[in-house]
Each structure stands twice: as structure tokens, then as C-alpha cells.
Amino acid sequence: MAKLSDVTVGFFGAGNMAQAIGLGLIKSGALEPAQIIVFAPSERNFSPWKAANVETTHSISKLPPRLSPILLVLNAMSLVSRVSQ
């Protein structure tokens, strides 16, 4: 099992739930900001992440090839509207 110091966590979604989890992990000392990468299609929820020095991106291709774990933190309506487009 990987130690937390060896983990890079990817968040698909940057909103309230992702912030509660990711920024909580940073605040608790479980992870460093450099161990988190956040993907979202818009800038709307990036401010708190950027303030915490967490890397953010709009491009899935910019995510490292191996993230462990990847957390999908999307609200259901957002997911449905993306899939139906």
C-alpha cells in the first residue's frame, strides 16, 4: 500500500464537495498542495484551490498519466448535462 507521501490525488470537479475533501486533507496535514491536481471545465471554483497553491487545469491531457487515487466529485446534474452534450 502506498504511503500518503507517495500519492498524487486527482480531483475531477473543483466545487464545494471536492474543496471540503481536498482542502481538508491539506489543512489536516495529510497531503501537501503539490500532491493534489484539480480538473474542472471552468474557472468558477478554482479560486480556493489556487489560494492553497494547488495545481488546477482545464485539460485532462495535462493530468499526469498515473494518479492514485482519482476522485470524481461532481454533482449529478453537472454530470448528466456533460454526458448529454
PDB file of N, CA and C in Angstrom:
ATOM      1  N   MET A   1       0.835  -1.181   0.000  1.00  0.00           N
ATOM      2  CA  MET A   1       0.000   0.000   0.000  1.00  0.00           C
ATOM      3  C   MET A   1       0.887   1.253   0.000  1.00  0.00           C
ATOM      4  N   ALA A   2       0.520   2.232  -0.834  1.00  0.00           N
ATOM      5  CA  ALA A   2       1.292   3.463  -0.930  1.00  0.00           C
ATOM      6  C   ALA A   2       1.116   4.312   0.320  1.00  0.00           C
ATOM      7  N   LYS A   3       2.207   4.974   0.714  1.00  0.00           N
ATOM      8  CA  LYS A   3       2.119   5.937   1.803  1.00  0.00           C
ATOM      9  C   LYS A   3       1.541   7.226   1.243  1.00  0.00           C
ATOM     10  N   LEU A   4       0.893   8.018   2.075  1.00  0.00           N
ATOM     11  CA  LEU A   4       0.319   9.276   1.593  1.00  0.00           C
ATOM     12  C   LEU A   4       1.374  10.186   0.989  1.00  0.00           C
ATOM     13  N   SER A   5       2.607  10.111   1.461  1.00  0.00           N
ATOM     14  CA  SER A   5       3.656  10.964   0.904  1.00  0.00           C
ATOM     15  C   SER A   5       3.996  10.576  -0.534  1.00  0.00           C
ATOM     16  N   ASP A   6       3.596   9.377  -0.963  1.00  0.00           N
ATOM     17  CA  ASP A   6       3.865   8.890  -2.320  1.00  0.00           C
ATOM     18  C   ASP A   6       2.677   9.054  -3.259  1.00  0.00           C
ATOM     19  N   VAL A   7       1.601   9.665  -2.802  1.00  0.00           N
ATOM     20  CA  VAL A   7       0.349   9.717  -3.547  1.00  0.00           C
ATOM     21  C   VAL A   7       0.141  11.094  -4.159  1.00  0.00           C
ATOM     22  N   THR A   8      -0.356  11.118  -5.394  1.00  0.00           N
ATOM     23  CA  THR A   8      -0.857  12.342  -6.003  1.00  0.00           C
ATOM     24  C   THR A   8      -2.328  12.105  -6.288  1.00  0.00           C
ATOM     25  N   VAL A   9      -3.176  12.930  -5.713  1.00  0.00           N
ATOM     26  CA  VAL A   9      -4.622  12.759  -5.827  1.00  0.00           C
ATOM     27  C   VAL A   9      -5.154  13.681  -6.921  1.00  0.00           C
ATOM     28  N   GLY A  10      -5.941  13.120  -7.816  1.00  0.00           N
ATOM     29  CA  GLY A  10      -6.586  13.898  -8.856  1.00  0.00           C
ATOM     30  C   GLY A  10      -8.060  14.064  -8.548  1.00  0.00           C
ATOM     31  N   PHE A  11      -8.528  15.287  -8.600  1.00  0.00           N
ATOM     32  CA  PHE A  11      -9.945  15.577  -8.410  1.00  0.00           C
ATOM     33  C   PHE A  11     -10.558  15.959  -9.742  1.00  0.00           C
ATOM     34  N   PHE A  12     -11.600  15.254 -10.163  1.00  0.00           N
ATOM     35  CA  PHE A  12     -12.405  15.651 -11.305  1.00  0.00           C
ATOM     36  C   PHE A  12     -13.593  16.382 -10.715  1.00  0.00           C
ATOM     37  N   GLY A  13     -13.530  17.685 -10.741  1.00  0.00           N
ATOM     38  CA  GLY A  13     -14.522  18.529 -10.085  1.00  0.00           C
ATOM     39  C   GLY A  13     -13.803  19.382  -9.060  1.00  0.00           C
ATOM     40  N   ALA A  14     -14.184  20.652  -8.994  1.00  0.00           N
ATOM     41  CA  ALA A  14     -13.483  21.593  -8.125  1.00  0.00           C
ATOM     42  C   ALA A  14     -14.415  22.292  -7.145  1.00  0.00           C
ATOM     43  N   GLY A  15     -15.669  21.852  -7.055  1.00  0.00           N
ATOM     44  CA  GLY A  15     -16.681  22.537  -6.262  1.00  0.00           C
ATOM     45  C   GLY A  15     -16.620  22.271  -4.769  1.00  0.00           C
ATOM     46  N   ASN A  16     -17.742  22.546  -4.117  1.00  0.00           N
ATOM     47  CA  ASN A  16     -17.794  22.510  -2.649  1.00  0.00           C
ATOM     48  C   ASN A  16     -17.375  21.176  -2.040  1.00  0.00           C
ATOM     49  N   MET A  17     -17.863  20.083  -2.594  1.00  0.00           N
ATOM     50  CA  MET A  17     -17.525  18.777  -2.019  1.00  0.00           C
ATOM     51  C   MET A  17     -16.041  18.462  -2.221  1.00  0.00           C
ATOM     52  N   ALA A  18     -15.527  18.721  -3.419  1.00  0.00           N
ATOM     53  CA  ALA A  18     -14.110  18.494  -3.685  1.00  0.00           C
ATOM     54  C   ALA A  18     -13.248  19.374  -2.782  1.00  0.00           C
ATOM     55  N   GLN A  19     -13.659  20.625  -2.602  1.00  0.00           N
ATOM     56  CA  GLN A  19     -12.914  21.532  -1.731  1.00  0.00           C
ATOM     57  C   GLN A  19     -12.912  21.035  -0.296  1.00  0.00           C
ATOM     58  N   ALA A  20     -14.055  20.567   0.180  1.00  0.00           N
ATOM     59  CA  ALA A  20     -14.126  20.070   1.553  1.00  0.00           C
ATOM     60  C   ALA A  20     -13.162  18.907   1.754  1.00  0.00           C
ATOM     61  N   ILE A  21     -13.111  18.014   0.792  1.00  0.00           N
ATOM     62  CA  ILE A  21     -12.223  16.858   0.910  1.00  0.00           C
ATOM     63  C   ILE A  21     -10.762  17.266   0.718  1.00  0.00           C
ATOM     64  N   GLY A  22     -10.466  17.862  -0.424  1.00  0.00           N
ATOM     65  CA  GLY A  22      -9.077  18.181  -0.772  1.00  0.00           C
ATOM     66  C   GLY A  22      -8.431  19.208   0.133  1.00  0.00           C
ATOM     67  N   LEU A  23      -9.122  20.318   0.350  1.00  0.00           N
ATOM     68  CA  LEU A  23      -8.543  21.349   1.217  1.00  0.00           C
ATOM     69  C   LEU A  23      -8.507  20.880   2.663  1.00  0.00           C
ATOM     70  N   GLY A  24      -9.446  20.005   3.035  1.00  0.00           N
ATOM     71  CA  GLY A  24      -9.404  19.399   4.372  1.00  0.00           C
ATOM     72  C   GLY A  24      -8.190  18.513   4.550  1.00  0.00           C
ATOM     73  N   LEU A  25      -7.825  17.766   3.506  1.00  0.00           N
ATOM     74  CA  LEU A  25      -6.625  16.928   3.569  1.00  0.00           C
ATOM     75  C   LEU A  25      -5.365  17.774   3.721  1.00  0.00           C
ATOM     76  N   ILE A  26      -5.347  18.926   3.048  1.00  0.00           N
ATOM     77  CA  ILE A  26      -4.205  19.831   3.180  1.00  0.00           C
ATOM     78  C   ILE A  26      -4.174  20.432   4.580  1.00  0.00           C
ATOM     79  N   LYS A  27      -5.308  20.959   5.028  1.00  0.00           N
ATOM     80  CA  LYS A  27      -5.381  21.600   6.349  1.00  0.00           C
ATOM     81  C   LYS A  27      -4.999  20.638   7.470  1.00  0.00           C
ATOM     82  N   SER A  28      -5.382  19.360   7.323  1.00  0.00           N
ATOM     83  CA  SER A  28      -5.064  18.370   8.357  1.00  0.00           C
ATOM     84  C   SER A  28      -3.604  17.936   8.322  1.00  0.00           C
ATOM     85  N   GLY A  29      -2.899  18.264   7.243  1.00  0.00           N
ATOM     86  CA  GLY A  29      -1.511  17.858   7.101  1.00  0.00           C
ATOM     87  C   GLY A  29      -1.345  16.490   6.456  1.00  0.00           C
ATOM     88  N   ALA A  30      -2.449  15.861   6.053  1.00  0.00           N
ATOM     89  CA  ALA A  30      -2.370  14.542   5.425  1.00  0.00           C
ATOM     90  C   ALA A  30      -1.722  14.606   4.041  1.00  0.00           C
ATOM     91  N   LEU A  31      -1.964  15.700   3.308  1.00  0.00           N
ATOM     92  CA  LEU A  31      -1.374  15.903   1.992  1.00  0.00           C
ATOM     93  C   LEU A  31      -0.820  17.312   1.877  1.00  0.00           C
ATOM     94  N   GLU A  32       0.177  17.461   1.013  1.00  0.00           N
ATOM     95  CA  GLU A  32       0.706  18.776   0.657  1.00  0.00           C
ATOM     96  C   GLU A  32      -0.023  19.257  -0.594  1.00  0.00           C
ATOM     97  N   PRO A  33      -0.107  20.573  -0.812  1.00  0.00           N
ATOM     98  CA  PRO A  33      -0.768  21.071  -2.020  1.00  0.00           C
ATOM     99  C   PRO A  33      -0.197  20.471  -3.310  1.00  0.00           C
ATOM    100  N   ALA A  34       1.096  20.215  -3.349  1.00  0.00           N
ATOM    101  CA  ALA A  34       1.728  19.659  -4.543  1.00  0.00           C
ATOM    102  C   ALA A  34       1.277  18.228  -4.832  1.00  0.00           C
ATOM    103  N   GLN A  35       0.587  17.600  -3.900  1.00  0.00           N
ATOM    104  CA  GLN A  35       0.116  16.229  -4.089  1.00  0.00           C
ATOM    105  C   GLN A  35      -1.304  16.164  -4.644  1.00  0.00           C
ATOM    106  N   ILE A  36      -1.865  17.316  -4.982  1.00  0.00           N
ATOM    107  CA  ILE A  36      -3.244  17.368  -5.476  1.00  0.00           C
ATOM    108  C   ILE A  36      -3.263  18.102  -6.811  1.00  0.00           C
ATOM    109  N   ILE A  37      -4.028  17.557  -7.754  1.00  0.00           N
ATOM    110  CA  ILE A  37      -4.274  18.211  -9.037  1.00  0.00           C
ATOM    111  C   ILE A  37      -5.784  18.214  -9.246  1.00  0.00           C
ATOM    112  N   VAL A  38      -6.313  19.377  -9.639  1.00  0.00           N
ATOM    113  CA  VAL A  38      -7.759  19.536  -9.787  1.00  0.00           C
ATOM    114  C   VAL A  38      -8.100  19.846 -11.244  1.00  0.00           C
ATOM    115  N   PHE A  39      -9.012  19.051 -11.801  1.00  0.00           N
ATOM    116  CA  PHE A  39      -9.517  19.280 -13.145  1.00  0.00           C
ATOM    117  C   PHE A  39     -10.960  19.748 -13.064  1.00  0.00           C
ATOM    118  N   ALA A  40     -11.288  20.775 -13.826  1.00  0.00           N
ATOM    119  CA  ALA A  40     -12.674  21.230 -13.983  1.00  0.00           C
ATOM    120  C   ALA A  40     -12.769  21.961 -15.315  1.00  0.00           C
ATOM    121  N   PRO A  41     -13.935  21.963 -15.938  1.00  0.00           N
ATOM    122  CA  PRO A  41     -14.077  22.592 -17.245  1.00  0.00           C
ATOM    123  C   PRO A  41     -14.101  24.120 -17.221  1.00  0.00           C
ATOM    124  N   SER A  42     -14.282  24.727 -16.047  1.00  0.00           N
ATOM    125  CA  SER A  42     -14.314  26.194 -15.977  1.00  0.00           C
ATOM    126  C   SER A  42     -13.509  26.687 -14.773  1.00  0.00           C
ATOM    127  N   GLU A  43     -13.261  27.977 -14.736  1.00  0.00           N
ATOM    128  CA  GLU A  43     -12.520  28.625 -13.645  1.00  0.00           C
ATOM    129  C   GLU A  43     -13.378  28.835 -12.401  1.00  0.00           C
ATOM    130  N   ARG A  44     -14.674  28.639 -12.511  1.00  0.00           N
ATOM    131  CA  ARG A  44     -15.632  29.057 -11.488  1.00  0.00           C
ATOM    132  C   ARG A  44     -15.223  28.697 -10.060  1.00  0.00           C
ATOM    133  N   ASN A  45     -14.710  27.502  -9.835  1.00  0.00           N
ATOM    134  CA  ASN A  45     -14.400  27.059  -8.472  1.00  0.00           C
ATOM    135  C   ASN A  45     -12.905  26.934  -8.181  1.00  0.00           C
ATOM    136  N   PHE A  46     -12.067  27.516  -9.024  1.00  0.00           N
ATOM    137  CA  PHE A  46     -10.629  27.361  -8.842  1.00  0.00           C
ATOM    138  C   PHE A  46     -10.018  28.271  -7.773  1.00  0.00           C
ATOM    139  N   SER A  47     -10.657  29.370  -7.433  1.00  0.00           N
ATOM    140  CA  SER A  47     -10.041  30.348  -6.511  1.00  0.00           C
ATOM    141  C   SER A  47      -9.538  29.741  -5.203  1.00  0.00           C
ATOM    142  N   PRO A  48     -10.338  28.967  -4.472  1.00  0.00           N
ATOM    143  CA  PRO A  48      -9.835  28.399  -3.214  1.00  0.00           C
ATOM    144  C   PRO A  48      -8.660  27.443  -3.423  1.00  0.00           C
ATOM    145  N   TRP A  49      -8.682  26.717  -4.528  1.00  0.00           N
ATOM    146  CA  TRP A  49      -7.584  25.793  -4.832  1.00  0.00           C
ATOM    147  C   TRP A  49      -6.299  26.569  -5.107  1.00  0.00           C
ATOM    148  N   LYS A  50      -6.417  27.608  -5.930  1.00  0.00           N
ATOM    149  CA  LYS A  50      -5.241  28.417  -6.256  1.00  0.00           C
ATOM    150  C   LYS A  50      -4.695  29.109  -5.020  1.00  0.00           C
ATOM    151  N   ALA A  51      -5.585  29.571  -4.138  1.00  0.00           N
ATOM    152  CA  ALA A  51      -5.150  30.215  -2.892  1.00  0.00           C
ATOM    153  C   ALA A  51      -4.367  29.246  -2.010  1.00  0.00           C
ATOM    154  N   ALA A  52      -4.662  27.952  -2.148  1.00  0.00           N
ATOM    155  CA  ALA A  52      -3.962  26.921  -1.365  1.00  0.00           C
ATOM    156  C   ALA A  52      -2.750  26.369  -2.120  1.00  0.00           C
ATOM    157  N   ASN A  53      -2.413  26.977  -3.266  1.00  0.00           N
ATOM    158  CA  ASN A  53      -1.269  26.557  -4.091  1.00  0.00           C
ATOM    159  C   ASN A  53      -1.422  25.162  -4.684  1.00  0.00           C
ATOM    160  N   VAL A  54      -2.669  24.791  -5.001  1.00  0.00           N
ATOM    161  CA  VAL A  54      -2.957  23.508  -5.641  1.00  0.00           C
ATOM    162  C   VAL A  54      -2.992  23.727  -7.152  1.00  0.00           C
ATOM    163  N   GLU A  55      -2.401  22.801  -7.893  1.00  0.00           N
ATOM    164  CA  GLU A  55      -2.415  22.881  -9.349  1.00  0.00           C
ATOM    165  C   GLU A  55      -3.822  22.636  -9.878  1.00  0.00           C
ATOM    166  N   THR A  56      -4.253  23.477 -10.831  1.00  0.00           N
ATOM    167  CA  THR A  56      -5.566  23.333 -11.453  1.00  0.00           C
ATOM    168  C   THR A  56      -5.383  23.258 -12.961  1.00  0.00           C
ATOM    169  N   THR A  57      -6.321  22.604 -13.626  1.00  0.00           N
ATOM    170  CA  THR A  57      -6.256  22.506 -15.088  1.00  0.00           C
ATOM    171  C   THR A  57      -7.648  22.335 -15.686  1.00  0.00           C
ATOM    172  N   HIS A  58      -7.772  22.773 -16.936  1.00  0.00           N
ATOM    173  CA  HIS A  58      -8.991  22.561 -17.713  1.00  0.00           C
ATOM    174  C   HIS A  58      -8.797  21.413 -18.698  1.00  0.00           C
ATOM    175  N   SER A  59      -7.577  20.929 -18.799  1.00  0.00           N
ATOM    176  CA  SER A  59      -7.248  19.936 -19.803  1.00  0.00           C
ATOM    177  C   SER A  59      -6.920  18.591 -19.172  1.00  0.00           C
ATOM    178  N   ILE A  60      -7.712  17.590 -19.495  1.00  0.00           N
ATOM    179  CA  ILE A  60      -7.444  16.249 -18.983  1.00  0.00           C
ATOM    180  C   ILE A  60      -6.079  15.770 -19.449  1.00  0.00           C
ATOM    181  N   SER A  61      -5.656  16.197 -20.630  1.00  0.00           N
ATOM    182  CA  SER A  61      -4.359  15.756 -21.152  1.00  0.00           C
ATOM    183  C   SER A  61      -3.185  16.286 -20.324  1.00  0.00           C
ATOM    184  N   LYS A  62      -3.400  17.310 -19.501  1.00  0.00           N
ATOM    185  CA  LYS A  62      -2.336  17.837 -18.645  1.00  0.00           C
ATOM    186  C   LYS A  62      -2.201  17.070 -17.332  1.00  0.00           C
ATOM    187  N   LEU A  63      -3.158  16.169 -17.065  1.00  0.00           N
ATOM    188  CA  LEU A  63      -3.059  15.366 -15.847  1.00  0.00           C
ATOM    189  C   LEU A  63      -1.955  14.336 -16.025  1.00  0.00           C
ATOM    190  N   PRO A  64      -1.205  14.070 -14.970  1.00  0.00           N
ATOM    191  CA  PRO A  64      -0.168  13.039 -15.078  1.00  0.00           C
ATOM    192  C   PRO A  64      -0.786  11.700 -15.455  1.00  0.00           C
ATOM    193  N   PRO A  65      -0.021  10.854 -16.142  1.00  0.00           N
ATOM    194  CA  PRO A  65      -0.583   9.574 -16.578  1.00  0.00           C
ATOM    195  C   PRO A  65      -0.983   8.651 -15.432  1.00  0.00           C
ATOM    196  N   ARG A  66      -0.390   8.856 -14.274  1.00  0.00           N
ATOM    197  CA  ARG A  66      -0.735   7.974 -13.154  1.00  0.00           C
ATOM    198  C   ARG A  66      -1.089   8.808 -11.930  1.00  0.00           C
ATOM    199  N   LEU A  67      -2.338   8.846 -11.630  1.00  0.00           N
ATOM    200  CA  LEU A  67      -2.825   9.474 -10.408  1.00  0.00           C
ATOM    201  C   LEU A  67      -3.433   8.383  -9.557  1.00  0.00           C
ATOM    202  N   SER A  68      -3.181   8.440  -8.287  1.00  0.00           N
ATOM    203  CA  SER A  68      -3.732   7.411  -7.406  1.00  0.00           C
ATOM    204  C   SER A  68      -4.048   8.028  -6.069  1.00  0.00           C
ATOM    205  N   PRO A  69      -5.251   8.197  -5.711  1.00  0.00           N
ATOM    206  CA  PRO A  69      -6.480   7.860  -6.439  1.00  0.00           C
ATOM    207  C   PRO A  69      -6.967   9.045  -7.265  1.00  0.00           C
ATOM    208  N   ILE A  70      -7.983   8.784  -8.070  1.00  0.00           N
ATOM    209  CA  ILE A  70      -8.711   9.841  -8.766  1.00  0.00           C
ATOM    210  C   ILE A  70     -10.101   9.887  -8.149  1.00  0.00           C
ATOM    211  N   LEU A  71     -10.502  11.057  -7.708  1.00  0.00           N
ATOM    212  CA  LEU A  71     -11.817  11.222  -7.098  1.00  0.00           C
ATOM    213  C   LEU A  71     -12.730  11.983  -8.059  1.00  0.00           C
ATOM    214  N   LEU A  72     -13.849  11.388  -8.394  1.00  0.00           N
ATOM    215  CA  LEU A  72     -14.854  12.060  -9.203  1.00  0.00           C
ATOM    216  C   LEU A  72     -15.815  12.746  -8.242  1.00  0.00           C
ATOM    217  N   VAL A  73     -15.745  14.067  -8.201  1.00  0.00           N
ATOM    218  CA  VAL A  73     -16.559  14.819  -7.248  1.00  0.00           C
ATOM    219  C   VAL A  73     -17.388  15.818  -8.046  1.00  0.00           C
ATOM    220  N   LEU A  74     -18.477  15.305  -8.620  1.00  0.00           N
ATOM    221  CA  LEU A  74     -19.341  16.094  -9.488  1.00  0.00           C
ATOM    222  C   LEU A  74     -20.765  15.994  -8.989  1.00  0.00           C
ATOM    223  N   ASN A  75     -21.510  17.084  -9.123  1.00  0.00           N
ATOM    224  CA  ASN A  75     -22.926  16.946  -8.776  1.00  0.00           C
ATOM    225  C   ASN A  75     -23.644  16.240  -9.924  1.00  0.00           C
ATOM    226  N   ALA A  76     -24.710  15.568  -9.622  1.00  0.00           N
ATOM    227  CA  ALA A  76     -25.401  14.720 -10.597  1.00  0.00           C
ATOM    228  C   ALA A  76     -25.878  15.508 -11.813  1.00  0.00           C
ATOM    229  N   MET A  77     -26.399  16.696 -11.625  1.00  0.00           N
ATOM    230  CA  MET A  77     -26.907  17.479 -12.748  1.00  0.00           C
ATOM    231  C   MET A  77     -25.779  17.894 -13.679  1.00  0.00           C
ATOM    232  N   SER A  78     -24.628  18.230 -13.138  1.00  0.00           N
ATOM    233  CA  SER A  78     -23.478  18.583 -13.952  1.00  0.00           C
ATOM    234  C   SER A  78     -23.044  17.397 -14.801  1.00  0.00           C
ATOM    235  N   LEU A  79     -23.008  16.232 -14.191  1.00  0.00           N
ATOM    236  CA  LEU A  79     -22.612  15.021 -14.904  1.00  0.00           C
ATOM    237  C   LEU A  79     -23.603  14.701 -16.017  1.00  0.00           C
ATOM    238  N   VAL A  80     -24.887  14.781 -15.738  1.00  0.00           N
ATOM    239  CA  VAL A  80     -25.912  14.487 -16.745  1.00  0.00           C
ATOM    240  C   VAL A  80     -25.809  15.474 -17.901  1.00  0.00           C
ATOM    241  N   SER A  81     -25.618  16.740 -17.630  1.00  0.00           N
ATOM    242  CA  SER A  81     -25.556  17.720 -18.726  1.00  0.00           C
ATOM    243  C   SER A  81     -24.303  17.520 -19.561  1.00  0.00           C
ATOM    244  N   ARG A  82     -23.190  17.127 -18.962  1.00  0.00           N
ATOM    245  CA  ARG A  82     -21.957  16.859 -19.723  1.00  0.00           C
ATOM    246  C   ARG A  82     -22.110  15.620 -20.593  1.00  0.00           C
ATOM    247  N   VAL A  83     -22.704  14.585 -20.070  1.00  0.00           N
ATOM    248  CA  VAL A  83     -22.861  13.341 -20.828  1.00  0.00           C
ATOM    249  C   VAL A  83     -23.825  13.517 -21.991  1.00  0.00           C
ATOM    250  N   SER A  84     -24.837  14.340 -21.821  1.00  0.00           N
ATOM    251  CA  SER A  84     -25.849  14.507 -22.861  1.00  0.00           C
ATOM    252  C   SER A  84     -25.405  15.464 -23.963  1.00  0.00           C
ATOM    253  N   GLN A  85     -24.279  16.137 -23.802  1.00  0.00           N
ATOM    254  CA  GLN A  85     -23.814  17.086 -24.833  1.00  0.00           C
ATOM    255  C   GLN A  85     -23.135  16.382 -25.983  1.00  0.00           C
TER     256      GLN A  85
END
